[in-house]
């Protein structure tokens, strides 16, 4: 068992009432199962499709900065000190005064990373 931290953001954080959880698990799939047990319907309804098994396509899971396979998260083994981030769709912010850069990300399952770079004046 590895002692890890799971970080949750925006709507997921609001729905479960916390942004960070410490777990002792073997892999990313087991971490998600423990989160289902701990937070129940609020977690499942937010992260999963109606069947409660498939993670919604617009969520991104990162393990120490690397994309986690949403279809088979159990293949990602964990070690002490790892951090699993669960990112829901994020939008908003001020676009004026920024340059928009769209950049394909390797191993990111056809996602495009959209980056706003502030312009200093």
C-alpha atoms as a PDB file:
ATOM      1  CA  UNK A   1       0.000   0.000   0.000  1.00  0.00           C
ATOM      2  CA  UNK A   2       1.191   3.470  -0.891  1.00  0.00           C
ATOM      3  CA  UNK A   3       0.285   6.570   1.083  1.00  0.00           C
ATOM      4  CA  UNK A   4      -0.921   9.132  -1.464  1.00  0.00           C
ATOM      5  CA  UNK A   5      -2.775  12.433  -1.640  1.00  0.00           C
ATOM      6  CA  UNK A   6      -5.782  12.953  -3.904  1.00  0.00           C
ATOM      7  CA  UNK A   7      -6.492  16.558  -4.899  1.00  0.00           C
ATOM      8  CA  UNK A   8      -9.918  17.563  -6.222  1.00  0.00           C
ATOM      9  CA  UNK A   9     -10.883  20.899  -7.758  1.00  0.00           C
ATOM     10  CA  UNK A  10     -13.845  23.202  -8.436  1.00  0.00           C
ATOM     11  CA  UNK A  11     -17.214  21.395  -8.705  1.00  0.00           C
ATOM     12  CA  UNK A  12     -15.866  18.080  -7.414  1.00  0.00           C
ATOM     13  CA  UNK A  13     -14.288  19.797  -4.401  1.00  0.00           C
ATOM     14  CA  UNK A  14     -17.532  21.650  -3.702  1.00  0.00           C
ATOM     15  CA  UNK A  15     -19.674  18.520  -4.018  1.00  0.00           C
ATOM     16  CA  UNK A  16     -17.598  16.342  -1.671  1.00  0.00           C
ATOM     17  CA  UNK A  17     -16.722  19.120   0.782  1.00  0.00           C
ATOM     18  CA  UNK A  18     -12.929  18.868   0.618  1.00  0.00           C
ATOM     19  CA  UNK A  19     -10.120  19.454  -1.844  1.00  0.00           C
ATOM     20  CA  UNK A  20      -7.626  16.957  -0.467  1.00  0.00           C
ATOM     21  CA  UNK A  21      -7.753  13.391   0.845  1.00  0.00           C
ATOM     22  CA  UNK A  22      -4.985  11.086   2.044  1.00  0.00           C
ATOM     23  CA  UNK A  23      -5.348   7.402   1.171  1.00  0.00           C
ATOM     24  CA  UNK A  24      -3.393   4.149   1.439  1.00  0.00           C
ATOM     25  CA  UNK A  25      -3.897   2.269  -1.851  1.00  0.00           C
ATOM     26  CA  UNK A  26      -2.055   0.160  -4.438  1.00  0.00           C
ATOM     27  CA  UNK A  27      -3.166   1.845  -7.679  1.00  0.00           C
ATOM     28  CA  UNK A  28      -5.208   4.739  -9.098  1.00  0.00           C
ATOM     29  CA  UNK A  29      -8.276   2.539  -9.657  1.00  0.00           C
ATOM     30  CA  UNK A  30      -8.311   1.530  -6.006  1.00  0.00           C
ATOM     31  CA  UNK A  31      -7.979   5.196  -5.022  1.00  0.00           C
ATOM     32  CA  UNK A  32     -11.101   6.022  -7.033  1.00  0.00           C
ATOM     33  CA  UNK A  33     -12.986   3.122  -5.425  1.00  0.00           C
ATOM     34  CA  UNK A  34     -12.028   4.364  -1.935  1.00  0.00           C
ATOM     35  CA  UNK A  35     -13.241   7.851  -2.873  1.00  0.00           C
ATOM     36  CA  UNK A  36     -16.569   6.339  -4.034  1.00  0.00           C
ATOM     37  CA  UNK A  37     -16.903   4.614  -0.643  1.00  0.00           C
ATOM     38  CA  UNK A  38     -15.971   7.711   1.321  1.00  0.00           C
ATOM     39  CA  UNK A  39     -18.045  10.304  -0.543  1.00  0.00           C
ATOM     40  CA  UNK A  40     -20.832   8.223  -2.111  1.00  0.00           C
ATOM     41  CA  UNK A  41     -23.330   9.697  -4.531  1.00  0.00           C
ATOM     42  CA  UNK A  42     -21.926  13.229  -4.635  1.00  0.00           C
ATOM     43  CA  UNK A  43     -18.564  11.912  -5.857  1.00  0.00           C
ATOM     44  CA  UNK A  44     -20.025   9.313  -8.216  1.00  0.00           C
ATOM     45  CA  UNK A  45     -22.612  11.658  -9.760  1.00  0.00           C
ATOM     46  CA  UNK A  46     -19.993  14.327 -10.408  1.00  0.00           C
ATOM     47  CA  UNK A  47     -17.146  12.180 -11.784  1.00  0.00           C
ATOM     48  CA  UNK A  48     -18.900   9.241 -13.450  1.00  0.00           C
ATOM     49  CA  UNK A  49     -21.341   8.707 -16.309  1.00  0.00           C
ATOM     50  CA  UNK A  50     -24.871   7.554 -15.435  1.00  0.00           C
ATOM     51  CA  UNK A  51     -23.720   3.931 -15.164  1.00  0.00           C
ATOM     52  CA  UNK A  52     -21.423   4.858 -12.256  1.00  0.00           C
ATOM     53  CA  UNK A  53     -18.523   2.997 -13.890  1.00  0.00           C
ATOM     54  CA  UNK A  54     -17.144   5.141 -16.707  1.00  0.00           C
ATOM     55  CA  UNK A  55     -15.411   8.424 -15.842  1.00  0.00           C
ATOM     56  CA  UNK A  56     -16.884  11.359 -17.743  1.00  0.00           C
ATOM     57  CA  UNK A  57     -14.782  12.195 -20.784  1.00  0.00           C
ATOM     58  CA  UNK A  58     -14.128  15.794 -19.829  1.00  0.00           C
ATOM     59  CA  UNK A  59     -12.410  14.969 -16.516  1.00  0.00           C
ATOM     60  CA  UNK A  60      -8.625  14.738 -16.516  1.00  0.00           C
ATOM     61  CA  UNK A  61      -6.757  12.614 -13.993  1.00  0.00           C
ATOM     62  CA  UNK A  62      -3.060  13.277 -13.446  1.00  0.00           C
ATOM     63  CA  UNK A  63      -0.652  11.236 -11.364  1.00  0.00           C
ATOM     64  CA  UNK A  64       2.383  13.326 -10.507  1.00  0.00           C
ATOM     65  CA  UNK A  65       1.755  15.401 -13.627  1.00  0.00           C
ATOM     66  CA  UNK A  66       1.195  12.472 -16.020  1.00  0.00           C
ATOM     67  CA  UNK A  67      -2.176  11.577 -17.528  1.00  0.00           C
ATOM     68  CA  UNK A  68      -3.984   8.607 -15.989  1.00  0.00           C
ATOM     69  CA  UNK A  69      -5.926   6.258 -18.254  1.00  0.00           C
ATOM     70  CA  UNK A  70      -9.585   6.930 -17.355  1.00  0.00           C
ATOM     71  CA  UNK A  71     -10.680   3.608 -18.841  1.00  0.00           C
ATOM     72  CA  UNK A  72      -8.214   1.491 -16.822  1.00  0.00           C
ATOM     73  CA  UNK A  73      -6.883   3.562 -13.908  1.00  0.00           C
ATOM     74  CA  UNK A  74      -5.838   0.398 -12.032  1.00  0.00           C
ATOM     75  CA  UNK A  75      -2.857  -0.022 -14.355  1.00  0.00           C
ATOM     76  CA  UNK A  76      -1.244   3.020 -12.709  1.00  0.00           C
ATOM     77  CA  UNK A  77       0.637   1.683  -9.675  1.00  0.00           C
ATOM     78  CA  UNK A  78       1.321   4.084  -6.831  1.00  0.00           C
ATOM     79  CA  UNK A  79       4.188   4.760  -4.471  1.00  0.00           C
ATOM     80  CA  UNK A  80       4.446   6.698  -1.215  1.00  0.00           C
ATOM     81  CA  UNK A  81       4.132  10.444  -1.695  1.00  0.00           C
ATOM     82  CA  UNK A  82       2.307  10.314  -5.050  1.00  0.00           C
ATOM     83  CA  UNK A  83      -0.394  12.878  -5.800  1.00  0.00           C
ATOM     84  CA  UNK A  84      -3.455  12.055  -7.889  1.00  0.00           C
ATOM     85  CA  UNK A  85      -5.188  15.172  -9.258  1.00  0.00           C
ATOM     86  CA  UNK A  86      -8.772  15.051 -10.519  1.00  0.00           C
ATOM     87  CA  UNK A  87      -9.504  18.032 -12.771  1.00  0.00           C
ATOM     88  CA  UNK A  88     -13.051  18.783 -13.895  1.00  0.00           C
ATOM     89  CA  UNK A  89     -13.655  21.025 -16.908  1.00  0.00           C
ATOM     90  CA  UNK A  90     -12.383  24.489 -16.143  1.00  0.00           C
ATOM     91  CA  UNK A  91     -13.533  27.633 -17.913  1.00  0.00           C
ATOM     92  CA  UNK A  92     -13.719  31.311 -17.293  1.00  0.00           C
ATOM     93  CA  UNK A  93     -11.307  34.059 -16.511  1.00  0.00           C
ATOM     94  CA  UNK A  94     -10.452  37.211 -18.339  1.00  0.00           C
ATOM     95  CA  UNK A  95      -9.197  36.787 -21.883  1.00  0.00           C
ATOM     96  CA  UNK A  96      -8.370  40.433 -22.552  1.00  0.00           C
ATOM     97  CA  UNK A  97      -4.667  41.007 -22.209  1.00  0.00           C
ATOM     98  CA  UNK A  98      -3.783  37.363 -22.803  1.00  0.00           C
ATOM     99  CA  UNK A  99      -2.471  35.326 -25.691  1.00  0.00           C
ATOM    100  CA  UNK A 100      -4.337  32.087 -26.335  1.00  0.00           C
ATOM    101  CA  UNK A 101      -2.096  29.166 -27.214  1.00  0.00           C
ATOM    102  CA  UNK A 102      -3.586  25.808 -28.187  1.00  0.00           C
ATOM    103  CA  UNK A 103      -1.057  23.038 -27.857  1.00  0.00           C
ATOM    104  CA  UNK A 104      -1.566  19.298 -28.447  1.00  0.00           C
ATOM    105  CA  UNK A 105      -0.327  17.315 -25.459  1.00  0.00           C
ATOM    106  CA  UNK A 106       1.447  13.981 -25.956  1.00  0.00           C
ATOM    107  CA  UNK A 107      -0.197  10.994 -24.262  1.00  0.00           C
ATOM    108  CA  UNK A 108      -3.211  13.110 -23.425  1.00  0.00           C
ATOM    109  CA  UNK A 109      -5.918  11.062 -25.148  1.00  0.00           C
ATOM    110  CA  UNK A 110      -6.756  13.643 -27.838  1.00  0.00           C
ATOM    111  CA  UNK A 111      -6.984  16.580 -25.432  1.00  0.00           C
ATOM    112  CA  UNK A 112      -5.746  19.988 -26.414  1.00  0.00           C
ATOM    113  CA  UNK A 113      -4.191  22.065 -23.700  1.00  0.00           C
ATOM    114  CA  UNK A 114      -5.412  25.663 -23.838  1.00  0.00           C
ATOM    115  CA  UNK A 115      -3.069  28.075 -22.154  1.00  0.00           C
ATOM    116  CA  UNK A 116      -3.650  31.746 -21.425  1.00  0.00           C
ATOM    117  CA  UNK A 117      -0.385  33.629 -21.179  1.00  0.00           C
ATOM    118  CA  UNK A 118      -0.649  37.056 -19.503  1.00  0.00           C
ATOM    119  CA  UNK A 119       0.736  39.971 -21.485  1.00  0.00           C
ATOM    120  CA  UNK A 120       2.833  42.295 -19.364  1.00  0.00           C
ATOM    121  CA  UNK A 121       2.505  45.923 -20.284  1.00  0.00           C
END
